[in-house]
Amino acid sequence: MKTKLLLVAAIVLVGAAALAQLRITSFNTSGELTWTNSARVGAYRVAWANSPAGPWNTFDTLTNLNLILARTNRVSAQLPLSNTPAFYRVAWIPPDPIGTWDYRGYDNQGALVITGQLSIASTTVLSTNPANPGYGIHGTWDLQFAGQTTNQLMSVGPQIGTGNLGGTLDIGYARLRLAWPPETPDNSIQIFGTLWPNTYTGVWVWAAGAGGFSAVRP
């Protein structure tokens, strides 16, 4: 089998350059493609073409090559073998929080207690340090109680209502932290989790309670 390889990495977040270093390190005759990135956690997409000039094609949806989620900066993917020469490229998909997220919060027993939406309107560059690039997050929250008991209501803290939120995004680890209401930091909800292209999951913490959450961007 004759196979050729080309690397192209797209690294952009909300109009600001993200400082990642994506490099292909090996591509063997069995079709295993390996690359490294300065980002320790990230999402990637592999595409193929018959020419370095393209057009570039996505792989069949039965493969995982259109969206690879990795919690390591050394990633491997198995490409379908081809009898004709082909070119491949790997693109890093930077974590992008902008948009409206459907939010579901759970108590420490896993029962649903909060539903609603988080809306991320804008980001602010906090650091362009290649070792720790980061952004400030600005948006709003609109949440309702979805639990069944008074005890659940007492444990969720100031998660019910509407208002502004703020937070930070660590690009290198795809780690998004949000908090609200910002005007009462000693009595605010904080949520911590991993931000993938259209999902955001993790834990929420309050002075008198904690639980898990999941959020999806439609």
C-alpha atoms as a PDB file:
ATOM      1  CA  MET A   1       0.000   0.000   0.000  1.00  0.00           C
ATOM      2  CA  LYS A   2       1.271   3.439  -0.900  1.00  0.00           C
ATOM      3  CA  THR A   3       0.122   6.158   1.464  1.00  0.00           C
ATOM      4  CA  LYS A   4       1.127   9.792   1.755  1.00  0.00           C
ATOM      5  CA  LEU A   5       0.582  12.024   4.751  1.00  0.00           C
ATOM      6  CA  LEU A   6      -0.075  15.741   5.231  1.00  0.00           C
ATOM      7  CA  LEU A   7      -0.705  17.595   8.499  1.00  0.00           C
ATOM      8  CA  VAL A   8      -2.974  20.640   8.768  1.00  0.00           C
ATOM      9  CA  ALA A   9      -4.077  21.887  12.217  1.00  0.00           C
ATOM     10  CA  ALA A  10      -6.742  24.559  12.736  1.00  0.00           C
ATOM     11  CA  ILE A  11      -6.265  26.364  16.058  1.00  0.00           C
ATOM     12  CA  VAL A  12      -8.703  29.229  16.626  1.00  0.00           C
ATOM     13  CA  LEU A  13     -10.981  30.202  19.526  1.00  0.00           C
ATOM     14  CA  VAL A  14     -13.462  33.063  19.244  1.00  0.00           C
ATOM     15  CA  GLY A  15     -11.177  34.977  16.914  1.00  0.00           C
ATOM     16  CA  ALA A  16      -8.111  34.649  19.154  1.00  0.00           C
ATOM     17  CA  ALA A  17      -5.173  32.366  18.422  1.00  0.00           C
ATOM     18  CA  ALA A  18      -4.881  29.378  20.758  1.00  0.00           C
ATOM     19  CA  LEU A  19      -1.306  28.337  21.405  1.00  0.00           C
ATOM     20  CA  ALA A  20      -1.280  24.627  20.625  1.00  0.00           C
ATOM     21  CA  GLN A  21       1.499  22.676  18.932  1.00  0.00           C
ATOM     22  CA  LEU A  22       0.085  19.699  17.052  1.00  0.00           C
ATOM     23  CA  ARG A  23       2.654  17.403  15.454  1.00  0.00           C
ATOM     24  CA  ILE A  24       2.304  14.036  13.760  1.00  0.00           C
ATOM     25  CA  THR A  25       4.909  11.687  15.184  1.00  0.00           C
ATOM     26  CA  SER A  26       4.296   8.438  13.279  1.00  0.00           C
ATOM     27  CA  PHE A  27       2.202   6.775  10.594  1.00  0.00           C
ATOM     28  CA  ASN A  28       2.838   3.077  10.076  1.00  0.00           C
ATOM     29  CA  THR A  29       1.959   0.589   7.341  1.00  0.00           C
ATOM     30  CA  SER A  30      -0.990  -0.791   9.337  1.00  0.00           C
ATOM     31  CA  GLY A  31      -2.686   2.624   9.169  1.00  0.00           C
ATOM     32  CA  GLU A  32      -2.035   3.794  12.736  1.00  0.00           C
ATOM     33  CA  LEU A  33      -1.608   7.569  12.894  1.00  0.00           C
ATOM     34  CA  THR A  34      -0.106   9.112  16.048  1.00  0.00           C
ATOM     35  CA  TRP A  35       0.277  12.764  17.000  1.00  0.00           C
ATOM     36  CA  THR A  36       1.101  14.943  19.991  1.00  0.00           C
ATOM     37  CA  ASN A  37      -0.223  18.314  21.102  1.00  0.00           C
ATOM     38  CA  SER A  38       0.712  20.807  23.789  1.00  0.00           C
ATOM     39  CA  ALA A  39      -2.957  20.671  24.870  1.00  0.00           C
ATOM     40  CA  ARG A  40      -3.279  17.866  27.436  1.00  0.00           C
ATOM     41  CA  VAL A  41      -7.011  17.318  26.824  1.00  0.00           C
ATOM     42  CA  GLY A  42      -8.610  17.871  23.447  1.00  0.00           C
ATOM     43  CA  ALA A  43     -10.903  16.948  20.580  1.00  0.00           C
ATOM     44  CA  TYR A  44      -9.646  16.152  17.073  1.00  0.00           C
ATOM     45  CA  ARG A  45     -10.886  15.396  13.572  1.00  0.00           C
ATOM     46  CA  VAL A  46      -9.077  13.445  10.830  1.00  0.00           C
ATOM     47  CA  ALA A  47      -9.862  14.101   7.160  1.00  0.00           C
ATOM     48  CA  TRP A  48      -8.547  12.684   3.892  1.00  0.00           C
ATOM     49  CA  ALA A  49      -8.003  13.824   0.298  1.00  0.00           C
ATOM     50  CA  ASN A  50      -6.594  12.559  -2.984  1.00  0.00           C
ATOM     51  CA  SER A  51      -4.480  15.706  -3.318  1.00  0.00           C
ATOM     52  CA  PRO A  52      -2.731  18.055  -0.878  1.00  0.00           C
ATOM     53  CA  ALA A  53      -4.931  20.820  -2.311  1.00  0.00           C
ATOM     54  CA  GLY A  54      -8.112  18.945  -1.393  1.00  0.00           C
ATOM     55  CA  PRO A  55     -11.042  18.793  -1.416  1.00  0.00           C
ATOM     56  CA  TRP A  56     -10.907  17.305   2.068  1.00  0.00           C
ATOM     57  CA  ASN A  57     -13.377  14.582   2.985  1.00  0.00           C
ATOM     58  CA  THR A  58     -14.732  13.336   6.284  1.00  0.00           C
ATOM     59  CA  PHE A  59     -14.658   9.666   7.171  1.00  0.00           C
ATOM     60  CA  ASP A  60     -17.665   7.386   7.440  1.00  0.00           C
ATOM     61  CA  THR A  61     -19.781   8.002  10.541  1.00  0.00           C
ATOM     62  CA  LEU A  62     -19.144   4.408  11.620  1.00  0.00           C
ATOM     63  CA  THR A  63     -15.570   5.384  12.440  1.00  0.00           C
ATOM     64  CA  ASN A  64     -14.610   7.702  15.289  1.00  0.00           C
ATOM     65  CA  LEU A  65     -12.356   9.817  13.082  1.00  0.00           C
ATOM     66  CA  ASN A  66     -14.792  12.750  12.777  1.00  0.00           C
ATOM     67  CA  LEU A  67     -14.591  13.390  16.519  1.00  0.00           C
ATOM     68  CA  ILE A  68     -11.807  11.951  18.674  1.00  0.00           C
ATOM     69  CA  LEU A  69     -11.915  12.891  22.378  1.00  0.00           C
ATOM     70  CA  ALA A  70      -8.606  12.483  24.197  1.00  0.00           C
ATOM     71  CA  ARG A  71      -7.482  13.024  27.779  1.00  0.00           C
ATOM     72  CA  THR A  72      -3.829  12.783  26.820  1.00  0.00           C
ATOM     73  CA  ASN A  73      -1.540  14.844  24.621  1.00  0.00           C
ATOM     74  CA  ARG A  74      -0.354  11.752  22.724  1.00  0.00           C
ATOM     75  CA  VAL A  75      -3.161  10.421  20.544  1.00  0.00           C
ATOM     76  CA  SER A  76      -3.404   7.486  18.126  1.00  0.00           C
ATOM     77  CA  ALA A  77      -6.093   6.696  15.560  1.00  0.00           C
ATOM     78  CA  GLN A  78      -6.553   3.739  13.235  1.00  0.00           C
ATOM     79  CA  LEU A  79      -7.168   4.842   9.641  1.00  0.00           C
ATOM     80  CA  PRO A  80      -8.901   2.620   7.050  1.00  0.00           C
ATOM     81  CA  LEU A  81      -6.375   1.041   4.722  1.00  0.00           C
ATOM     82  CA  SER A  82      -6.459   2.164   1.085  1.00  0.00           C
ATOM     83  CA  ASN A  83      -4.959   0.738  -2.096  1.00  0.00           C
ATOM     84  CA  THR A  84      -4.593   4.195  -3.621  1.00  0.00           C
ATOM     85  CA  PRO A  85      -2.318   7.035  -2.453  1.00  0.00           C
ATOM     86  CA  ALA A  86      -4.057   9.365  -0.011  1.00  0.00           C
ATOM     87  CA  PHE A  87      -3.310  12.423   2.067  1.00  0.00           C
ATOM     88  CA  TYR A  88      -4.512  12.900   5.651  1.00  0.00           C
ATOM     89  CA  ARG A  89      -4.764  15.846   7.967  1.00  0.00           C
ATOM     90  CA  VAL A  90      -5.473  16.188  11.683  1.00  0.00           C
ATOM     91  CA  ALA A  91      -7.314  19.201  13.078  1.00  0.00           C
ATOM     92  CA  TRP A  92      -7.458  20.121  16.752  1.00  0.00           C
ATOM     93  CA  ILE A  93     -10.920  21.406  17.737  1.00  0.00           C
ATOM     94  CA  PRO A  94     -10.310  23.989  20.484  1.00  0.00           C
ATOM     95  CA  PRO A  95     -12.836  24.116  23.346  1.00  0.00           C
ATOM     96  CA  ASP A  96     -15.400  26.807  22.548  1.00  0.00           C
ATOM     97  CA  PRO A  97     -17.958  27.712  25.250  1.00  0.00           C
ATOM     98  CA  ILE A  98     -19.912  30.327  23.269  1.00  0.00           C
ATOM     99  CA  GLY A  99     -23.628  29.566  22.926  1.00  0.00           C
ATOM    100  CA  THR A 100     -26.626  28.324  24.889  1.00  0.00           C
ATOM    101  CA  TRP A 101     -26.289  25.153  26.944  1.00  0.00           C
ATOM    102  CA  ASP A 102     -29.184  23.010  28.187  1.00  0.00           C
ATOM    103  CA  TYR A 103     -28.229  22.329  31.811  1.00  0.00           C
ATOM    104  CA  ARG A 104     -29.209  19.494  34.148  1.00  0.00           C
ATOM    105  CA  GLY A 105     -27.977  19.428  37.748  1.00  0.00           C
ATOM    106  CA  TYR A 106     -28.073  16.393  40.052  1.00  0.00           C
ATOM    107  CA  ASP A 107     -27.806  15.976  43.819  1.00  0.00           C
ATOM    108  CA  ASN A 108     -25.140  13.797  45.440  1.00  0.00           C
ATOM    109  CA  GLN A 109     -27.412  10.756  45.018  1.00  0.00           C
ATOM    110  CA  GLY A 110     -27.752  11.301  41.273  1.00  0.00           C
ATOM    111  CA  ALA A 111     -31.336  12.605  41.341  1.00  0.00           C
ATOM    112  CA  LEU A 112     -32.249  15.448  38.949  1.00  0.00           C
ATOM    113  CA  VAL A 113     -32.745  18.701  40.879  1.00  0.00           C
ATOM    114  CA  ILE A 114     -32.048  21.566  38.420  1.00  0.00           C
ATOM    115  CA  THR A 115     -32.945  22.207  34.781  1.00  0.00           C
ATOM    116  CA  GLY A 116     -32.568  25.268  32.580  1.00  0.00           C
ATOM    117  CA  GLN A 117     -30.009  27.027  30.451  1.00  0.00           C
ATOM    118  CA  LEU A 118     -26.579  28.596  30.690  1.00  0.00           C
ATOM    119  CA  SER A 119     -25.782  31.177  28.009  1.00  0.00           C
ATOM    120  CA  ILE A 120     -22.128  32.034  27.330  1.00  0.00           C
ATOM    121  CA  ALA A 121     -21.984  35.335  25.466  1.00  0.00           C
ATOM    122  CA  SER A 122     -18.298  36.259  25.282  1.00  0.00           C
ATOM    123  CA  THR A 123     -14.724  35.439  26.259  1.00  0.00           C
ATOM    124  CA  THR A 124     -11.771  37.590  27.273  1.00  0.00           C
ATOM    125  CA  VAL A 125      -8.126  36.645  26.800  1.00  0.00           C
ATOM    126  CA  LEU A 126      -6.479  36.286  30.208  1.00  0.00           C
ATOM    127  CA  SER A 127      -3.204  34.637  29.219  1.00  0.00           C
ATOM    128  CA  THR A 128      -1.389  33.816  25.995  1.00  0.00           C
ATOM    129  CA  ASN A 129       1.265  31.817  27.839  1.00  0.00           C
ATOM    130  CA  PRO A 130       1.814  28.646  25.750  1.00  0.00           C
ATOM    131  CA  ALA A 131       2.135  26.641  28.973  1.00  0.00           C
ATOM    132  CA  ASN A 132      -1.230  27.816  30.311  1.00  0.00           C
ATOM    133  CA  PRO A 133      -3.447  29.721  27.859  1.00  0.00           C
ATOM    134  CA  GLY A 134      -6.711  30.880  29.408  1.00  0.00           C
ATOM    135  CA  TYR A 135      -9.855  32.924  28.850  1.00  0.00           C
ATOM    136  CA  GLY A 136     -12.358  34.734  31.026  1.00  0.00           C
ATOM    137  CA  ILE A 137     -15.993  33.745  30.511  1.00  0.00           C
ATOM    138  CA  HIS A 138     -19.072  36.006  30.620  1.00  0.00           C
ATOM    139  CA  GLY A 139     -22.733  35.018  30.356  1.00  0.00           C
ATOM    140  CA  THR A 140     -26.067  34.458  32.078  1.00  0.00           C
ATOM    141  CA  TRP A 141     -27.997  31.644  33.788  1.00  0.00           C
ATOM    142  CA  ASP A 142     -31.720  30.789  33.893  1.00  0.00           C
ATOM    143  CA  LEU A 143     -32.452  27.720  36.054  1.00  0.00           C
ATOM    144  CA  GLN A 144     -35.434  26.096  37.754  1.00  0.00           C
ATOM    145  CA  PHE A 145     -35.864  23.563  40.552  1.00  0.00           C
ATOM    146  CA  ALA A 146     -36.722  20.096  39.211  1.00  0.00           C
ATOM    147  CA  GLY A 147     -36.448  18.023  42.374  1.00  0.00           C
ATOM    148  CA  GLN A 148     -39.130  16.297  44.426  1.00  0.00           C
ATOM    149  CA  THR A 149     -38.383  17.081  48.091  1.00  0.00           C
ATOM    150  CA  THR A 150     -37.746  20.073  50.334  1.00  0.00           C
ATOM    151  CA  ASN A 151     -34.390  18.599  51.357  1.00  0.00           C
ATOM    152  CA  GLN A 152     -33.276  18.686  47.734  1.00  0.00           C
ATOM    153  CA  LEU A 153     -34.356  22.309  47.437  1.00  0.00           C
ATOM    154  CA  MET A 154     -32.384  23.285  50.539  1.00  0.00           C
ATOM    155  CA  SER A 155     -29.198  21.601  49.280  1.00  0.00           C
ATOM    156  CA  VAL A 156     -28.951  23.192  45.825  1.00  0.00           C
ATOM    157  CA  GLY A 157     -28.156  26.690  47.099  1.00  0.00           C
ATOM    158  CA  PRO A 158     -28.530  29.780  44.899  1.00  0.00           C
ATOM    159  CA  GLN A 159     -28.923  27.764  41.694  1.00  0.00           C
ATOM    160  CA  ILE A 160     -32.537  28.791  41.083  1.00  0.00           C
ATOM    161  CA  GLY A 161     -33.399  31.986  39.222  1.00  0.00           C
ATOM    162  CA  THR A 162     -31.617  34.175  36.689  1.00  0.00           C
ATOM    163  CA  GLY A 163     -28.579  36.406  36.605  1.00  0.00           C
ATOM    164  CA  ASN A 164     -25.029  36.884  35.381  1.00  0.00           C
ATOM    165  CA  LEU A 165     -22.251  34.326  35.541  1.00  0.00           C
ATOM    166  CA  GLY A 166     -18.504  34.402  35.109  1.00  0.00           C
ATOM    167  CA  GLY A 167     -15.640  31.961  34.953  1.00  0.00           C
ATOM    168  CA  THR A 168     -12.445  30.817  33.303  1.00  0.00           C
ATOM    169  CA  LEU A 169     -11.478  28.401  30.537  1.00  0.00           C
ATOM    170  CA  ASP A 170      -8.147  26.557  30.596  1.00  0.00           C
ATOM    171  CA  ILE A 171      -7.500  25.745  26.938  1.00  0.00           C
ATOM    172  CA  GLY A 172      -4.761  23.201  27.587  1.00  0.00           C
ATOM    173  CA  TYR A 173      -6.986  20.977  29.708  1.00  0.00           C
ATOM    174  CA  ALA A 174     -10.405  21.911  28.178  1.00  0.00           C
ATOM    175  CA  ARG A 175     -11.390  22.809  31.746  1.00  0.00           C
ATOM    176  CA  LEU A 176     -14.283  25.253  32.162  1.00  0.00           C
ATOM    177  CA  ARG A 177     -15.129  26.765  35.566  1.00  0.00           C
ATOM    178  CA  LEU A 178     -18.286  28.853  35.997  1.00  0.00           C
ATOM    179  CA  ALA A 179     -19.717  30.632  39.054  1.00  0.00           C
ATOM    180  CA  TRP A 180     -22.891  32.540  39.889  1.00  0.00           C
ATOM    181  CA  PRO A 181     -24.108  34.879  41.239  1.00  0.00           C
ATOM    182  CA  PRO A 182     -20.831  36.828  40.868  1.00  0.00           C
ATOM    183  CA  GLU A 183     -21.902  39.572  43.270  1.00  0.00           C
ATOM    184  CA  THR A 184     -21.903  37.147  46.243  1.00  0.00           C
ATOM    185  CA  PRO A 185     -18.698  35.103  45.875  1.00  0.00           C
ATOM    186  CA  ASP A 186     -18.995  33.675  49.414  1.00  0.00           C
ATOM    187  CA  ASN A 187     -22.406  32.183  48.571  1.00  0.00           C
ATOM    188  CA  SER A 188     -22.039  31.310  44.916  1.00  0.00           C
ATOM    189  CA  ILE A 189     -22.402  28.087  42.991  1.00  0.00           C
ATOM    190  CA  GLN A 190     -19.265  26.911  41.232  1.00  0.00           C
ATOM    191  CA  ILE A 191     -19.250  24.266  38.529  1.00  0.00           C
ATOM    192  CA  PHE A 192     -16.141  22.543  37.200  1.00  0.00           C
ATOM    193  CA  GLY A 193     -15.966  20.262  34.191  1.00  0.00           C
ATOM    194  CA  THR A 194     -14.521  19.210  30.855  1.00  0.00           C
ATOM    195  CA  LEU A 195     -15.680  21.107  27.777  1.00  0.00           C
ATOM    196  CA  TRP A 196     -15.980  19.022  24.617  1.00  0.00           C
ATOM    197  CA  PRO A 197     -17.339  20.404  21.302  1.00  0.00           C
ATOM    198  CA  ASN A 198     -21.017  20.145  22.312  1.00  0.00           C
ATOM    199  CA  THR A 199     -21.026  18.621  25.796  1.00  0.00           C
ATOM    200  CA  TYR A 200     -19.939  19.926  29.192  1.00  0.00           C
ATOM    201  CA  THR A 201     -19.947  17.655  32.249  1.00  0.00           C
ATOM    202  CA  GLY A 202     -18.577  17.795  35.765  1.00  0.00           C
ATOM    203  CA  VAL A 203     -19.506  18.712  39.332  1.00  0.00           C
ATOM    204  CA  TRP A 204     -21.188  21.659  41.060  1.00  0.00           C
ATOM    205  CA  VAL A 205     -20.149  22.825  44.521  1.00  0.00           C
ATOM    206  CA  TRP A 206     -21.801  25.062  47.104  1.00  0.00           C
ATOM    207  CA  ALA A 207     -20.956  25.708  50.752  1.00  0.00           C
ATOM    208  CA  ALA A 208     -23.669  23.295  51.930  1.00  0.00           C
ATOM    209  CA  GLY A 209     -24.044  20.951  48.994  1.00  0.00           C
ATOM    210  CA  ALA A 210     -22.533  19.349  45.932  1.00  0.00           C
ATOM    211  CA  GLY A 211     -23.519  17.185  42.995  1.00  0.00           C
ATOM    212  CA  GLY A 212     -22.963  16.535  39.319  1.00  0.00           C
ATOM    213  CA  PHE A 213     -24.161  18.204  36.136  1.00  0.00           C
ATOM    214  CA  SER A 214     -24.370  17.706  32.400  1.00  0.00           C
ATOM    215  CA  ALA A 215     -24.922  20.306  29.708  1.00  0.00           C
ATOM    216  CA  VAL A 216     -25.373  20.028  25.965  1.00  0.00           C
ATOM    217  CA  ARG A 217     -25.298  22.651  23.243  1.00  0.00           C
ATOM    218  CA  PRO A 218     -28.148  21.983  20.753  1.00  0.00           C
END
